[in-house]
PDB file of all heavy atoms in Angstrom:
ATOM      1  N   TYR A   1     -50.312 -22.910 151.979  1.00  0.00           N
ATOM      2  CA  TYR A   1     -51.248 -22.962 153.103  1.00  0.00           C
ATOM      3  C   TYR A   1     -50.894 -21.816 154.032  1.00  0.00           C
ATOM      4  O   TYR A   1     -49.783 -21.284 153.997  1.00  0.00           O
ATOM      5  CB  TYR A   1     -51.101 -24.280 153.871  1.00  0.00           C
ATOM      6  CG  TYR A   1     -51.476 -25.521 153.091  1.00  0.00           C
ATOM      7  CD1 TYR A   1     -50.624 -26.035 152.125  1.00  0.00           C
ATOM      8  CD2 TYR A   1     -52.685 -26.170 153.333  1.00  0.00           C
ATOM      9  CE1 TYR A   1     -50.966 -27.182 151.403  1.00  0.00           C
ATOM     10  CE2 TYR A   1     -53.030 -27.313 152.635  1.00  0.00           C
ATOM     11  CZ  TYR A   1     -52.170 -27.811 151.671  1.00  0.00           C
ATOM     12  OH  TYR A   1     -52.513 -28.936 150.961  1.00  0.00           O
ATOM     13  N   HIS A   2     -51.834 -21.427 154.868  1.00  0.00           N
ATOM     14  CA  HIS A   2     -51.481 -20.502 155.921  1.00  0.00           C
ATOM     15  C   HIS A   2     -52.073 -20.984 157.248  1.00  0.00           C
ATOM     16  O   HIS A   2     -53.055 -21.723 157.284  1.00  0.00           O
ATOM     17  CB  HIS A   2     -51.892 -19.062 155.598  1.00  0.00           C
ATOM     18  CG  HIS A   2     -53.357 -18.805 155.491  1.00  0.00           C
ATOM     19  ND1 HIS A   2     -53.871 -17.636 154.967  1.00  0.00           N
ATOM     20  CD2 HIS A   2     -54.440 -19.520 155.873  1.00  0.00           C
ATOM     21  CE1 HIS A   2     -55.188 -17.685 155.008  1.00  0.00           C
ATOM     22  NE2 HIS A   2     -55.556 -18.802 155.557  1.00  0.00           N
ATOM     23  N   GLN A   3     -51.416 -20.548 158.318  1.00  0.00           N
ATOM     24  CA  GLN A   3     -51.857 -20.908 159.661  1.00  0.00           C
ATOM     25  C   GLN A   3     -51.758 -19.672 160.534  1.00  0.00           C
ATOM     26  O   GLN A   3     -50.666 -19.180 160.836  1.00  0.00           O
ATOM     27  CB  GLN A   3     -51.033 -22.043 160.243  1.00  0.00           C
ATOM     28  CG  GLN A   3     -51.520 -22.554 161.582  1.00  0.00           C
ATOM     29  CD  GLN A   3     -50.884 -23.846 162.008  1.00  0.00           C
ATOM     30  OE1 GLN A   3     -49.834 -24.240 161.485  1.00  0.00           O
ATOM     31  NE2 GLN A   3     -51.484 -24.545 162.960  1.00  0.00           N
ATOM     32  N   ALA A   4     -52.934 -19.158 160.914  1.00  0.00           N
ATOM     33  CA  ALA A   4     -52.993 -18.001 161.805  1.00  0.00           C
ATOM     34  C   ALA A   4     -52.860 -18.468 163.249  1.00  0.00           C
ATOM     35  O   ALA A   4     -53.132 -19.642 163.551  1.00  0.00           O
ATOM     36  CB  ALA A   4     -54.299 -17.284 161.592  1.00  0.00           C
ATOM     37  N   PRO A   5     -52.446 -17.584 164.124  1.00  0.00           N
ATOM     38  CA  PRO A   5     -52.295 -17.955 165.541  1.00  0.00           C
ATOM     39  C   PRO A   5     -53.555 -18.574 166.119  1.00  0.00           C
ATOM     40  O   PRO A   5     -54.657 -18.008 165.986  1.00  0.00           O
ATOM     41  CB  PRO A   5     -51.960 -16.629 166.231  1.00  0.00           C
ATOM     42  CG  PRO A   5     -51.333 -15.813 165.162  1.00  0.00           C
ATOM     43  CD  PRO A   5     -52.042 -16.196 163.892  1.00  0.00           C
ATOM     44  N   GLY A   6     -53.422 -19.757 166.707  1.00  0.00           N
ATOM     45  CA  GLY A   6     -54.563 -20.411 167.328  1.00  0.00           C
ATOM     46  C   GLY A   6     -55.520 -21.092 166.377  1.00  0.00           C
ATOM     47  O   GLY A   6     -56.567 -21.604 166.781  1.00  0.00           O
ATOM     48  N   LYS A   7     -55.168 -21.132 165.100  1.00  0.00           N
ATOM     49  CA  LYS A   7     -56.047 -21.743 164.114  1.00  0.00           C
ATOM     50  C   LYS A   7     -55.335 -22.885 163.381  1.00  0.00           C
ATOM     51  O   LYS A   7     -54.130 -23.022 163.449  1.00  0.00           O
ATOM     52  CB  LYS A   7     -56.545 -20.689 163.113  1.00  0.00           C
ATOM     53  CG  LYS A   7     -57.408 -19.615 163.725  1.00  0.00           C
ATOM     54  CD  LYS A   7     -58.006 -18.727 162.674  1.00  0.00           C
ATOM     55  CE  LYS A   7     -58.938 -17.692 163.301  1.00  0.00           C
ATOM     56  NZ  LYS A   7     -59.556 -16.806 162.261  1.00  0.00           N
ATOM     57  N   GLN A   8     -56.146 -23.675 162.690  1.00  0.00           N
ATOM     58  CA  GLN A   8     -55.586 -24.777 161.921  1.00  0.00           C
ATOM     59  C   GLN A   8     -54.982 -24.292 160.607  1.00  0.00           C
ATOM     60  O   GLN A   8     -55.347 -23.227 160.114  1.00  0.00           O
ATOM     61  CB  GLN A   8     -56.668 -25.818 161.648  1.00  0.00           C
ATOM     62  CG  GLN A   8     -57.143 -26.571 162.867  1.00  0.00           C
ATOM     63  CD  GLN A   8     -58.104 -27.689 162.522  1.00  0.00           C
ATOM     64  OE1 GLN A   8     -58.821 -27.625 161.510  1.00  0.00           O
ATOM     65  NE2 GLN A   8     -58.118 -28.735 163.317  1.00  0.00           N
ATOM     66  N   ARG A   9     -54.088 -25.090 160.077  1.00  0.00           N
ATOM     67  CA  ARG A   9     -53.513 -24.784 158.776  1.00  0.00           C
ATOM     68  C   ARG A   9     -54.583 -24.951 157.694  1.00  0.00           C
ATOM     69  O   ARG A   9     -55.313 -25.938 157.694  1.00  0.00           O
ATOM     70  CB  ARG A   9     -52.334 -25.730 158.502  1.00  0.00           C
ATOM     71  CG  ARG A   9     -51.509 -25.360 157.313  1.00  0.00           C
ATOM     72  CD  ARG A   9     -50.264 -26.243 157.220  1.00  0.00           C
ATOM     73  NE  ARG A   9     -49.418 -26.137 158.404  1.00  0.00           N
ATOM     74  CZ  ARG A   9     -48.210 -26.716 158.501  1.00  0.00           C
ATOM     75  NH1 ARG A   9     -47.749 -27.442 157.496  1.00  0.00           N
ATOM     76  NH2 ARG A   9     -47.527 -26.577 159.599  1.00  0.00           N
ATOM     77  N   GLU A  10     -54.640 -23.987 156.797  1.00  0.00           N
ATOM     78  CA  GLU A  10     -55.678 -24.001 155.755  1.00  0.00           C
ATOM     79  C   GLU A  10     -55.073 -23.788 154.388  1.00  0.00           C
ATOM     80  O   GLU A  10     -54.072 -23.063 154.243  1.00  0.00           O
ATOM     81  CB  GLU A  10     -56.708 -22.871 156.000  1.00  0.00           C
ATOM     82  CG  GLU A  10     -57.475 -22.951 157.281  1.00  0.00           C
ATOM     83  CD  GLU A  10     -58.437 -21.788 157.459  1.00  0.00           C
ATOM     84  OE1 GLU A  10     -58.139 -20.703 156.922  1.00  0.00           O
ATOM     85  OE2 GLU A  10     -59.450 -21.952 158.142  1.00  0.00           O
ATOM     86  N   LEU A  11     -55.666 -24.415 153.397  1.00  0.00           N
ATOM     87  CA  LEU A  11     -55.230 -24.233 152.031  1.00  0.00           C
ATOM     88  C   LEU A  11     -55.524 -22.826 151.543  1.00  0.00           C
ATOM     89  O   LEU A  11     -56.615 -22.309 151.762  1.00  0.00           O
ATOM     90  CB  LEU A  11     -55.928 -25.257 151.129  1.00  0.00           C
ATOM     91  CG  LEU A  11     -55.624 -25.146 149.640  1.00  0.00           C
ATOM     92  CD1 LEU A  11     -54.183 -25.525 149.355  1.00  0.00           C
ATOM     93  CD2 LEU A  11     -56.574 -26.045 148.843  1.00  0.00           C
ATOM     94  N   VAL A  12     -54.550 -22.248 150.854  1.00  0.00           N
ATOM     95  CA  VAL A  12     -54.730 -20.923 150.246  1.00  0.00           C
ATOM     96  C   VAL A  12     -54.898 -21.080 148.740  1.00  0.00           C
ATOM     97  O   VAL A  12     -55.825 -20.559 148.150  1.00  0.00           O
ATOM     98  CB  VAL A  12     -53.524 -20.018 150.550  1.00  0.00           C
ATOM     99  CG1 VAL A  12     -53.658 -18.688 149.805  1.00  0.00           C
ATOM    100  CG2 VAL A  12     -53.426 -19.770 152.065  1.00  0.00           C
ATOM    101  N   ALA A  13     -53.952 -21.768 148.110  1.00  0.00           N
ATOM    102  CA  ALA A  13     -53.968 -21.949 146.661  1.00  0.00           C
ATOM    103  C   ALA A  13     -53.117 -23.149 146.303  1.00  0.00           C
ATOM    104  O   ALA A  13     -52.178 -23.488 147.013  1.00  0.00           O
ATOM    105  CB  ALA A  13     -53.459 -20.687 145.952  1.00  0.00           C
ATOM    106  N   SER A  14     -53.445 -23.760 145.180  1.00  0.00           N
ATOM    107  CA  SER A  14     -52.661 -24.900 144.717  1.00  0.00           C
ATOM    108  C   SER A  14     -52.526 -24.844 143.212  1.00  0.00           C
ATOM    109  O   SER A  14     -53.303 -24.177 142.529  1.00  0.00           O
ATOM    110  CB  SER A  14     -53.308 -26.230 145.135  1.00  0.00           C
ATOM    111  OG  SER A  14     -54.539 -26.404 144.468  1.00  0.00           O
ATOM    112  N   ILE A  15     -51.512 -25.585 142.712  1.00  0.00           N
ATOM    113  CA  ILE A  15     -51.295 -25.639 141.272  1.00  0.00           C
ATOM    114  C   ILE A  15     -50.776 -27.037 140.942  1.00  0.00           C
ATOM    115  O   ILE A  15     -49.897 -27.550 141.627  1.00  0.00           O
ATOM    116  CB  ILE A  15     -50.318 -24.531 140.812  1.00  0.00           C
ATOM    117  CG1 ILE A  15     -50.217 -24.474 139.285  1.00  0.00           C
ATOM    118  CG2 ILE A  15     -48.940 -24.682 141.457  1.00  0.00           C
ATOM    119  CD1 ILE A  15     -49.563 -23.187 138.783  1.00  0.00           C
ATOM    120  N   ASN A  16     -51.341 -27.646 139.910  1.00  0.00           N
ATOM    121  CA  ASN A  16     -50.939 -29.017 139.614  1.00  0.00           C
ATOM    122  C   ASN A  16     -49.851 -29.050 138.547  1.00  0.00           C
ATOM    123  O   ASN A  16     -49.393 -28.001 138.061  1.00  0.00           O
ATOM    124  CB  ASN A  16     -52.147 -29.883 139.202  1.00  0.00           C
ATOM    125  CG  ASN A  16     -52.733 -29.474 137.876  1.00  0.00           C
ATOM    126  OD1 ASN A  16     -52.170 -28.678 137.132  1.00  0.00           O
ATOM    127  ND2 ASN A  16     -53.907 -30.031 137.560  1.00  0.00           N
ATOM    128  N   SER A  17     -49.433 -30.228 138.193  1.00  0.00           N
ATOM    129  CA  SER A  17     -48.302 -30.386 137.277  1.00  0.00           C
ATOM    130  C   SER A  17     -48.618 -29.822 135.897  1.00  0.00           C
ATOM    131  O   SER A  17     -47.704 -29.466 135.146  1.00  0.00           O
ATOM    132  CB  SER A  17     -47.897 -31.867 137.169  1.00  0.00           C
ATOM    133  OG  SER A  17     -49.015 -32.639 136.750  1.00  0.00           O
ATOM    134  N   GLY A  18     -49.906 -29.720 135.582  1.00  0.00           N
ATOM    135  CA  GLY A  18     -50.282 -29.183 134.288  1.00  0.00           C
ATOM    136  C   GLY A  18     -50.469 -27.674 134.316  1.00  0.00           C
ATOM    137  O   GLY A  18     -50.802 -27.065 133.272  1.00  0.00           O
ATOM    138  N   GLY A  19     -50.277 -27.092 135.477  1.00  0.00           N
ATOM    139  CA  GLY A  19     -50.394 -25.630 135.596  1.00  0.00           C
ATOM    140  C   GLY A  19     -51.785 -25.162 135.969  1.00  0.00           C
ATOM    141  O   GLY A  19     -52.044 -23.946 136.037  1.00  0.00           O
ATOM    142  N   LEU A  20     -52.700 -26.094 136.263  1.00  0.00           N
ATOM    143  CA  LEU A  20     -54.046 -25.691 136.641  1.00  0.00           C
ATOM    144  C   LEU A  20     -54.039 -25.195 138.076  1.00  0.00           C
ATOM    145  O   LEU A  20     -53.622 -25.922 138.983  1.00  0.00           O
ATOM    146  CB  LEU A  20     -55.001 -26.885 136.503  1.00  0.00           C
ATOM    147  CG  LEU A  20     -56.467 -26.608 136.792  1.00  0.00           C
ATOM    148  CD1 LEU A  20     -57.020 -25.597 135.795  1.00  0.00           C
ATOM    149  CD2 LEU A  20     -57.266 -27.903 136.744  1.00  0.00           C
ATOM    150  N   ALA A  21     -54.517 -24.002 138.279  1.00  0.00           N
ATOM    151  CA  ALA A  21     -54.462 -23.364 139.584  1.00  0.00           C
ATOM    152  C   ALA A  21     -55.833 -23.338 140.256  1.00  0.00           C
ATOM    153  O   ALA A  21     -56.878 -23.311 139.584  1.00  0.00           O
ATOM    154  CB  ALA A  21     -53.935 -21.942 139.468  1.00  0.00           C
ATOM    155  N   TYR A  22     -55.808 -23.384 141.573  1.00  0.00           N
ATOM    156  CA  TYR A  22     -57.033 -23.292 142.379  1.00  0.00           C
ATOM    157  C   TYR A  22     -56.778 -22.277 143.490  1.00  0.00           C
ATOM    158  O   TYR A  22     -55.736 -22.287 144.144  1.00  0.00           O
ATOM    159  CB  TYR A  22     -57.387 -24.651 142.963  1.00  0.00           C
ATOM    160  CG  TYR A  22     -58.406 -24.576 144.056  1.00  0.00           C
ATOM    161  CD1 TYR A  22     -59.765 -24.469 143.735  1.00  0.00           C
ATOM    162  CD2 TYR A  22     -58.064 -24.612 145.392  1.00  0.00           C
ATOM    163  CE1 TYR A  22     -60.720 -24.384 144.743  1.00  0.00           C
ATOM    164  CE2 TYR A  22     -59.000 -24.538 146.383  1.00  0.00           C
ATOM    165  CZ  TYR A  22     -60.340 -24.423 146.059  1.00  0.00           C
ATOM    166  OH  TYR A  22     -61.267 -24.336 147.044  1.00  0.00           O
ATOM    167  N   ASP A  23     -57.740 -21.378 143.692  1.00  0.00           N
ATOM    168  CA  ASP A  23     -57.653 -20.421 144.787  1.00  0.00           C
ATOM    169  C   ASP A  23     -58.870 -20.575 145.705  1.00  0.00           C
ATOM    170  O   ASP A  23     -59.984 -20.798 145.205  1.00  0.00           O
ATOM    171  CB  ASP A  23     -57.651 -18.966 144.269  1.00  0.00           C
ATOM    172  CG  ASP A  23     -56.579 -18.724 143.246  1.00  0.00           C
ATOM    173  OD1 ASP A  23     -55.466 -19.232 143.446  1.00  0.00           O
ATOM    174  OD2 ASP A  23     -56.841 -18.017 142.269  1.00  0.00           O
ATOM    175  N   THR A  24     -58.674 -20.419 146.985  1.00  0.00           N
ATOM    176  CA  THR A  24     -59.820 -20.434 147.881  1.00  0.00           C
ATOM    177  C   THR A  24     -60.582 -19.122 147.780  1.00  0.00           C
ATOM    178  O   THR A  24     -60.031 -18.099 147.359  1.00  0.00           O
ATOM    179  CB  THR A  24     -59.371 -20.678 149.336  1.00  0.00           C
ATOM    180  OG1 THR A  24     -58.465 -19.632 149.722  1.00  0.00           O
ATOM    181  CG2 THR A  24     -58.677 -22.022 149.476  1.00  0.00           C
ATOM    182  N   ASP A  25     -61.836 -19.140 148.185  1.00  0.00           N
ATOM    183  CA  ASP A  25     -62.682 -17.955 148.056  1.00  0.00           C
ATOM    184  C   ASP A  25     -62.125 -16.758 148.787  1.00  0.00           C
ATOM    185  O   ASP A  25     -62.272 -15.613 148.346  1.00  0.00           O
ATOM    186  CB  ASP A  25     -64.097 -18.263 148.538  1.00  0.00           C
ATOM    187  CG  ASP A  25     -64.854 -19.191 147.610  1.00  0.00           C
ATOM    188  OD1 ASP A  25     -64.402 -19.328 146.437  1.00  0.00           O
ATOM    189  OD2 ASP A  25     -65.855 -19.773 148.037  1.00  0.00           O
ATOM    190  N   SER A  26     -61.470 -16.995 149.915  1.00  0.00           N
ATOM    191  CA  SER A  26     -60.994 -15.884 150.753  1.00  0.00           C
ATOM    192  C   SER A  26     -59.886 -15.078 150.085  1.00  0.00           C
ATOM    193  O   SER A  26     -59.645 -13.935 150.451  1.00  0.00           O
ATOM    194  CB  SER A  26     -60.509 -16.400 152.107  1.00  0.00           C
ATOM    195  OG  SER A  26     -59.398 -17.268 151.933  1.00  0.00           O
ATOM    196  N   VAL A  27     -59.202 -15.663 149.101  1.00  0.00           N
ATOM    197  CA  VAL A  27     -58.102 -14.944 148.465  1.00  0.00           C
ATOM    198  C   VAL A  27     -58.327 -14.728 146.960  1.00  0.00           C
ATOM    199  O   VAL A  27     -57.499 -14.124 146.283  1.00  0.00           O
ATOM    200  CB  VAL A  27     -56.783 -15.702 148.659  1.00  0.00           C
ATOM    201  CG1 VAL A  27     -56.492 -15.915 150.141  1.00  0.00           C
ATOM    202  CG2 VAL A  27     -56.752 -17.029 147.905  1.00  0.00           C
ATOM    203  N   LYS A  28     -59.463 -15.218 146.473  1.00  0.00           N
ATOM    204  CA  LYS A  28     -59.729 -15.132 145.040  1.00  0.00           C
ATOM    205  C   LYS A  28     -59.707 -13.669 144.596  1.00  0.00           C
ATOM    206  O   LYS A  28     -60.333 -12.800 145.209  1.00  0.00           O
ATOM    207  CB  LYS A  28     -61.062 -15.772 144.706  1.00  0.00           C
ATOM    208  CG  LYS A  28     -61.212 -16.149 143.249  1.00  0.00           C
ATOM    209  CD  LYS A  28     -62.499 -16.951 143.028  1.00  0.00           C
ATOM    210  CE  LYS A  28     -62.424 -18.296 143.707  1.00  0.00           C
ATOM    211  NZ  LYS A  28     -61.483 -19.201 143.024  1.00  0.00           N
ATOM    212  N   GLY A  29     -58.986 -13.403 143.536  1.00  0.00           N
ATOM    213  CA  GLY A  29     -58.888 -12.034 143.027  1.00  0.00           C
ATOM    214  C   GLY A  29     -57.793 -11.209 143.698  1.00  0.00           C
ATOM    215  O   GLY A  29     -57.463 -10.134 143.215  1.00  0.00           O
ATOM    216  N   ARG A  30     -57.210 -11.738 144.782  1.00  0.00           N
ATOM    217  CA  ARG A  30     -56.142 -11.015 145.481  1.00  0.00           C
ATOM    218  C   ARG A  30     -54.798 -11.750 145.416  1.00  0.00           C
ATOM    219  O   ARG A  30     -53.767 -11.137 145.296  1.00  0.00           O
ATOM    220  CB  ARG A  30     -56.510 -10.804 146.945  1.00  0.00           C
ATOM    221  CG  ARG A  30     -57.773  -9.973 147.145  1.00  0.00           C
ATOM    222  CD  ARG A  30     -57.957  -9.616 148.614  1.00  0.00           C
ATOM    223  NE  ARG A  30     -58.089 -10.797 149.484  1.00  0.00           N
ATOM    224  CZ  ARG A  30     -57.301 -11.020 150.523  1.00  0.00           C
ATOM    225  NH1 ARG A  30     -56.292 -10.203 150.828  1.00  0.00           N
ATOM    226  NH2 ARG A  30     -57.492 -12.097 151.275  1.00  0.00           N
ATOM    227  N   PHE A  31     -54.847 -13.075 145.509  1.00  0.00           N
ATOM    228  CA  PHE A  31     -53.626 -13.892 145.502  1.00  0.00           C
ATOM    229  C   PHE A  31     -53.553 -14.689 144.194  1.00  0.00           C
ATOM    230  O   PHE A  31     -54.601 -15.135 143.665  1.00  0.00           O
ATOM    231  CB  PHE A  31     -53.612 -14.871 146.672  1.00  0.00           C
ATOM    232  CG  PHE A  31     -53.489 -14.260 148.024  1.00  0.00           C
ATOM    233  CD1 PHE A  31     -53.551 -12.922 148.247  1.00  0.00           C
ATOM    234  CD2 PHE A  31     -53.319 -15.098 149.135  1.00  0.00           C
ATOM    235  CE1 PHE A  31     -53.457 -12.370 149.508  1.00  0.00           C
ATOM    236  CE2 PHE A  31     -53.197 -14.583 150.415  1.00  0.00           C
ATOM    237  CZ  PHE A  31     -53.273 -13.203 150.596  1.00  0.00           C
ATOM    238  N   THR A  32     -52.341 -14.892 143.722  1.00  0.00           N
ATOM    239  CA  THR A  32     -52.130 -15.678 142.509  1.00  0.00           C
ATOM    240  C   THR A  32     -50.967 -16.637 142.716  1.00  0.00           C
ATOM    241  O   THR A  32     -49.885 -16.223 143.131  1.00  0.00           O
ATOM    242  CB  THR A  32     -51.806 -14.775 141.299  1.00  0.00           C
ATOM    243  OG1 THR A  32     -52.860 -13.827 141.115  1.00  0.00           O
ATOM    244  CG2 THR A  32     -51.647 -15.611 140.040  1.00  0.00           C
ATOM    245  N   ILE A  33     -51.198 -17.901 142.432  1.00  0.00           N
ATOM    246  CA  ILE A  33     -50.137 -18.899 142.528  1.00  0.00           C
ATOM    247  C   ILE A  33     -49.593 -19.144 141.121  1.00  0.00           C
ATOM    248  O   ILE A  33     -50.325 -19.132 140.128  1.00  0.00           O
ATOM    249  CB  ILE A  33     -50.657 -20.215 143.145  1.00  0.00           C
ATOM    250  CG1 ILE A  33     -49.491 -21.171 143.436  1.00  0.00           C
ATOM    251  CG2 ILE A  33     -51.718 -20.872 142.270  1.00  0.00           C
ATOM    252  CD1 ILE A  33     -49.913 -22.381 144.262  1.00  0.00           C
ATOM    253  N   ALA A  34     -48.278 -19.305 141.044  1.00  0.00           N
ATOM    254  CA  ALA A  34     -47.634 -19.542 139.744  1.00  0.00           C
ATOM    255  C   ALA A  34     -46.404 -20.415 139.970  1.00  0.00           C
ATOM    256  O   ALA A  34     -45.897 -20.509 141.100  1.00  0.00           O
ATOM    257  CB  ALA A  34     -47.231 -18.215 139.116  1.00  0.00           C
TER     258      ALA A  34
END
């Protein structure tokens, strides 16, 4: 998750126990969770 100054904490990316990853639109193609 990330939290910018003055803003709420927001999900960036997640990965489950099976390795399935999810990225939010704002970071898709730029960030990778592993």
